Amino acid sequence: MIAASAIDKVFPETTMAESEEAEILEVFRRPSVIKYLRCLGREDAKELLSLSALDLPAQDLKDRHLIVNGKLAVITTLLSLSDL
């Protein structure tokens, strides 16, 4: 339960009103926000493709791959809000 307690401190349980949810969706449906997220995703995808096993130690390569994959996952999730 220690981990759950730490999570609760960082991310306390909250609820959003329908109006707040609508506001979030409105923001992520804006063409400029979608364009910005796609630009971020493109740069991260290029970084991921440029990682070379010949240039980096195995652990560094693995760490960078995980970080960039995580960033791409977040961007994909945010972009998916425009489809709701």
Protein backbone atom coordinates (compact mmCIF):
# COMPACT_ATOMS: atom_id res chain seq x y z
CA MET A 1 0.00 0.00 0.00
CA ILE A 2 2.99 2.32 0.24
CA ALA A 3 3.10 2.66 -3.56
CA ALA A 4 -0.61 3.48 -3.70
CA SER A 5 -0.12 6.10 -1.00
CA ALA A 6 2.70 7.71 -2.96
CA ILE A 7 0.57 7.72 -6.09
CA ASP A 8 -2.29 9.35 -4.20
CA LYS A 9 0.04 12.12 -3.07
CA VAL A 10 1.23 12.84 -6.60
CA PHE A 11 -2.10 12.22 -8.33
CA PRO A 12 -4.90 12.82 -5.83
CA GLU A 13 -8.28 11.39 -6.81
CA THR A 14 -10.33 14.02 -8.58
CA THR A 15 -13.42 14.08 -10.71
CA MET A 16 -14.10 16.30 -13.66
CA ALA A 17 -17.38 17.97 -14.44
CA GLU A 18 -18.91 17.33 -17.85
CA SER A 19 -18.18 20.94 -18.77
CA GLU A 20 -14.50 20.42 -17.97
CA GLU A 21 -14.36 17.27 -20.07
CA ALA A 22 -16.00 19.12 -22.95
CA GLU A 23 -13.45 21.91 -22.62
CA ILE A 24 -10.55 19.43 -22.81
CA LEU A 25 -12.02 17.78 -25.89
CA GLU A 26 -12.55 21.18 -27.49
CA VAL A 27 -8.89 22.05 -27.00
CA PHE A 28 -7.58 18.76 -28.40
CA ARG A 29 -9.87 19.05 -31.44
CA ARG A 30 -8.34 22.38 -32.46
CA PRO A 31 -6.46 22.04 -35.75
CA SER A 32 -3.47 23.94 -34.36
CA VAL A 33 -3.18 21.58 -31.37
CA ILE A 34 -3.48 18.53 -33.62
CA LYS A 35 -0.82 19.97 -35.93
CA TYR A 36 1.48 20.70 -32.99
CA LEU A 37 1.12 17.18 -31.59
CA ARG A 38 1.81 15.68 -35.01
CA CYS A 39 4.96 17.81 -35.29
CA LEU A 40 6.11 16.56 -31.88
CA GLY A 41 5.34 12.98 -32.87
CA ARG A 42 7.22 13.33 -36.14
CA GLU A 43 10.34 14.59 -34.39
CA ASP A 44 10.17 11.80 -31.81
CA ALA A 45 9.64 9.18 -34.54
CA LYS A 46 12.66 10.53 -36.41
CA GLU A 47 14.68 10.33 -33.19
CA LEU A 48 13.56 6.75 -32.64
CA LEU A 49 14.56 5.78 -36.18
CA SER A 50 17.93 7.48 -35.82
CA LEU A 51 18.95 5.50 -32.73
CA SER A 52 21.79 3.22 -33.72
CA ALA A 53 22.99 0.12 -31.97
CA LEU A 54 26.41 0.84 -33.45
CA ASP A 55 26.68 4.26 -31.78
CA LEU A 56 25.25 3.58 -28.31
CA PRO A 57 25.90 1.08 -25.55
CA ALA A 58 23.07 -1.47 -25.27
CA GLN A 59 21.64 -0.03 -22.03
CA ASP A 60 21.69 3.55 -23.36
CA LEU A 61 19.97 2.42 -26.53
CA LYS A 62 17.32 0.58 -24.51
CA ASP A 63 16.76 3.57 -22.21
CA ARG A 64 16.45 6.05 -25.08
CA HIS A 65 14.15 3.69 -26.95
CA LEU A 66 11.87 3.40 -23.90
CA ILE A 67 11.78 7.17 -23.39
CA VAL A 68 10.96 7.96 -27.00
CA ASN A 69 8.36 5.17 -27.14
CA GLY A 70 6.76 6.61 -24.00
CA LYS A 71 6.66 10.09 -25.51
CA LEU A 72 5.08 8.71 -28.68
CA ALA A 73 2.48 6.83 -26.63
CA VAL A 74 1.49 10.03 -24.83
CA ILE A 75 1.27 11.98 -28.09
CA THR A 76 -0.84 9.21 -29.66
CA THR A 77 -3.17 9.25 -26.67
CA LEU A 78 -3.58 13.03 -26.88
CA LEU A 79 -4.20 12.84 -30.62
CA SER A 80 -6.86 10.19 -30.05
CA LEU A 81 -8.87 12.76 -28.08
CA SER A 82 -9.54 14.60 -31.33
CA ASP A 83 -11.45 11.51 -32.54
CA LEU A 84 -13.87 11.40 -29.61
